[in-house]
Amino acid sequence: MTDGRAPFVDAHASLMDALGTDATLQRGSGPAVPVRVVVHDGVARVGDYGQVIGRKTLVDVLRSQWQPRRGDVLTIDGAARPVEAIEQDDGIVVTAVLHG
């Protein structure tokens, strides 16, 4: 990696190791791939006027491990939840919104 991102990639990998949870991601009928994720549960969904209109669960995944897409299934401790949308992708970490 010659674009200067290597220290940031290493830092994110270290954070995932320290704060993450083991999970698997699966696309369609393909094999489940083990990944390390950081879960953000109960994140506020904010409306146009600053009011909280709901809550959502986000997961951070290292892009080098998996590039999630809508419909992928994330399984943590036997509980499976589909990816509803991609919230953010900075090229290093992808933040996905889980359904439900």
C-alpha atoms as a PDB file:
ATOM      1  CA  MET A   1       0.000   0.000   0.000  1.00  0.00           C
ATOM      2  CA  THR A   2       1.803   3.100  -1.202  1.00  0.00           C
ATOM      3  CA  ASP A   3      -0.860   5.749  -0.649  1.00  0.00           C
ATOM      4  CA  GLY A   4      -0.086   6.428   3.024  1.00  0.00           C
ATOM      5  CA  ARG A   5      -3.069   4.474   4.386  1.00  0.00           C
ATOM      6  CA  ALA A   6      -1.055   1.592   5.889  1.00  0.00           C
ATOM      7  CA  PRO A   7      -0.844   3.091   9.419  1.00  0.00           C
ATOM      8  CA  PHE A   8      -4.615   3.643   9.432  1.00  0.00           C
ATOM      9  CA  VAL A   9      -5.325   0.128   8.185  1.00  0.00           C
ATOM     10  CA  ASP A  10      -3.073  -1.277  10.915  1.00  0.00           C
ATOM     11  CA  ALA A  11      -4.741   0.903  13.559  1.00  0.00           C
ATOM     12  CA  HIS A  12      -8.233  -0.214  12.525  1.00  0.00           C
ATOM     13  CA  ALA A  13      -7.141  -3.862  12.520  1.00  0.00           C
ATOM     14  CA  SER A  14      -5.784  -3.446  16.063  1.00  0.00           C
ATOM     15  CA  LEU A  15      -9.038  -1.820  17.199  1.00  0.00           C
ATOM     16  CA  MET A  16     -11.087  -4.621  15.667  1.00  0.00           C
ATOM     17  CA  ASP A  17      -8.933  -7.189  17.474  1.00  0.00           C
ATOM     18  CA  ALA A  18      -9.356  -5.378  20.799  1.00  0.00           C
ATOM     19  CA  LEU A  19     -13.014  -4.311  20.593  1.00  0.00           C
ATOM     20  CA  GLY A  20     -14.555  -6.644  18.041  1.00  0.00           C
ATOM     21  CA  THR A  21     -16.720  -9.716  18.190  1.00  0.00           C
ATOM     22  CA  ASP A  22     -16.333 -12.843  16.102  1.00  0.00           C
ATOM     23  CA  ALA A  23     -19.067 -13.274  13.507  1.00  0.00           C
ATOM     24  CA  THR A  24     -19.716 -14.733  10.076  1.00  0.00           C
ATOM     25  CA  LEU A  25     -21.015 -13.062   6.937  1.00  0.00           C
ATOM     26  CA  GLN A  26     -22.696 -14.941   4.127  1.00  0.00           C
ATOM     27  CA  ARG A  27     -23.845 -13.866   0.667  1.00  0.00           C
ATOM     28  CA  GLY A  28     -26.620 -15.949  -0.841  1.00  0.00           C
ATOM     29  CA  SER A  29     -25.887 -19.660  -0.765  1.00  0.00           C
ATOM     30  CA  GLY A  30     -22.119 -19.089  -0.600  1.00  0.00           C
ATOM     31  CA  PRO A  31     -20.004 -20.192   2.322  1.00  0.00           C
ATOM     32  CA  ALA A  32     -20.064 -18.227   5.573  1.00  0.00           C
ATOM     33  CA  VAL A  33     -16.867 -16.202   6.007  1.00  0.00           C
ATOM     34  CA  PRO A  34     -15.483 -15.538   9.506  1.00  0.00           C
ATOM     35  CA  VAL A  35     -15.038 -11.818  10.248  1.00  0.00           C
ATOM     36  CA  ARG A  36     -14.428  -9.586  13.239  1.00  0.00           C
ATOM     37  CA  VAL A  37     -17.041  -6.842  13.726  1.00  0.00           C
ATOM     38  CA  VAL A  38     -17.747  -4.004  16.111  1.00  0.00           C
ATOM     39  CA  VAL A  39     -21.456  -3.729  16.924  1.00  0.00           C
ATOM     40  CA  HIS A  40     -23.140  -0.378  17.674  1.00  0.00           C
ATOM     41  CA  ASP A  41     -26.583  -1.207  19.077  1.00  0.00           C
ATOM     42  CA  GLY A  42     -29.329   1.368  19.614  1.00  0.00           C
ATOM     43  CA  VAL A  43     -27.908   4.151  17.431  1.00  0.00           C
ATOM     44  CA  ALA A  44     -30.431   6.981  17.109  1.00  0.00           C
ATOM     45  CA  ARG A  45     -32.116   7.657  13.766  1.00  0.00           C
ATOM     46  CA  VAL A  46     -32.603  11.401  13.666  1.00  0.00           C
ATOM     47  CA  GLY A  47     -35.398  13.101  11.717  1.00  0.00           C
ATOM     48  CA  ASP A  48     -35.388  16.365   9.778  1.00  0.00           C
ATOM     49  CA  TYR A  49     -35.963  18.470  12.870  1.00  0.00           C
ATOM     50  CA  GLY A  50     -33.522  16.775  15.220  1.00  0.00           C
ATOM     51  CA  GLN A  51     -36.013  14.408  16.828  1.00  0.00           C
ATOM     52  CA  VAL A  52     -35.192  10.748  17.392  1.00  0.00           C
ATOM     53  CA  ILE A  53     -37.447   8.731  15.095  1.00  0.00           C
ATOM     54  CA  GLY A  54     -36.067   5.273  15.848  1.00  0.00           C
ATOM     55  CA  ARG A  55     -33.050   3.175  16.698  1.00  0.00           C
ATOM     56  CA  LYS A  56     -30.808   1.006  14.521  1.00  0.00           C
ATOM     57  CA  THR A  57     -27.969  -1.456  14.866  1.00  0.00           C
ATOM     58  CA  LEU A  58     -24.740  -0.790  12.968  1.00  0.00           C
ATOM     59  CA  VAL A  59     -21.729  -3.053  12.472  1.00  0.00           C
ATOM     60  CA  ASP A  60     -18.227  -2.074  11.408  1.00  0.00           C
ATOM     61  CA  VAL A  61     -16.344  -4.565   9.208  1.00  0.00           C
ATOM     62  CA  LEU A  62     -12.816  -4.275   7.865  1.00  0.00           C
ATOM     63  CA  ARG A  63     -13.184  -3.933   4.106  1.00  0.00           C
ATOM     64  CA  SER A  64     -10.200  -6.260   3.640  1.00  0.00           C
ATOM     65  CA  GLN A  65     -12.194  -9.064   5.342  1.00  0.00           C
ATOM     66  CA  TRP A  66     -15.556  -8.543   3.629  1.00  0.00           C
ATOM     67  CA  GLN A  67     -17.338  -5.911   1.548  1.00  0.00           C
ATOM     68  CA  PRO A  68     -20.927  -6.194   2.773  1.00  0.00           C
ATOM     69  CA  ARG A  69     -23.884  -5.640   0.476  1.00  0.00           C
ATOM     70  CA  ARG A  70     -27.598  -5.409   1.101  1.00  0.00           C
ATOM     71  CA  GLY A  71     -28.973  -8.888   1.713  1.00  0.00           C
ATOM     72  CA  ASP A  72     -25.802 -10.397   3.186  1.00  0.00           C
ATOM     73  CA  VAL A  73     -26.484 -12.247   6.436  1.00  0.00           C
ATOM     74  CA  LEU A  74     -24.436 -11.516   9.569  1.00  0.00           C
ATOM     75  CA  THR A  75     -24.458 -14.172  12.288  1.00  0.00           C
ATOM     76  CA  ILE A  76     -23.250 -13.484  15.825  1.00  0.00           C
ATOM     77  CA  ASP A  77     -23.656 -16.110  18.556  1.00  0.00           C
ATOM     78  CA  GLY A  78     -26.185 -18.021  16.444  1.00  0.00           C
ATOM     79  CA  ALA A  79     -28.407 -14.980  15.780  1.00  0.00           C
ATOM     80  CA  ALA A  80     -28.638 -14.111  12.083  1.00  0.00           C
ATOM     81  CA  ARG A  81     -29.604 -10.651  10.796  1.00  0.00           C
ATOM     82  CA  PRO A  82     -29.541  -9.414   7.204  1.00  0.00           C
ATOM     83  CA  VAL A  83     -27.711  -6.284   6.086  1.00  0.00           C
ATOM     84  CA  GLU A  84     -30.313  -3.631   5.268  1.00  0.00           C
ATOM     85  CA  ALA A  85     -28.020  -0.914   3.881  1.00  0.00           C
ATOM     86  CA  ILE A  86     -24.471   0.384   3.778  1.00  0.00           C
ATOM     87  CA  GLU A  87     -24.203   3.462   5.987  1.00  0.00           C
ATOM     88  CA  GLN A  88     -20.581   4.357   5.216  1.00  0.00           C
ATOM     89  CA  ASP A  89     -17.518   3.025   3.394  1.00  0.00           C
ATOM     90  CA  ASP A  90     -14.252   4.926   3.845  1.00  0.00           C
ATOM     91  CA  GLY A  91     -12.145   2.372   2.007  1.00  0.00           C
ATOM     92  CA  ILE A  92     -10.881   0.783   5.218  1.00  0.00           C
ATOM     93  CA  VAL A  93     -13.997   0.142   7.325  1.00  0.00           C
ATOM     94  CA  VAL A  94     -17.528  -0.474   6.053  1.00  0.00           C
ATOM     95  CA  THR A  95     -20.423   0.407   8.351  1.00  0.00           C
ATOM     96  CA  ALA A  96     -23.573  -1.582   7.622  1.00  0.00           C
ATOM     97  CA  VAL A  97     -27.116  -1.196   8.992  1.00  0.00           C
ATOM     98  CA  LEU A  98     -28.670  -4.460  10.173  1.00  0.00           C
ATOM     99  CA  HIS A  99     -32.334  -5.199   9.577  1.00  0.00           C
ATOM    100  CA  GLY A 100     -34.601  -5.398  12.588  1.00  0.00           C
END
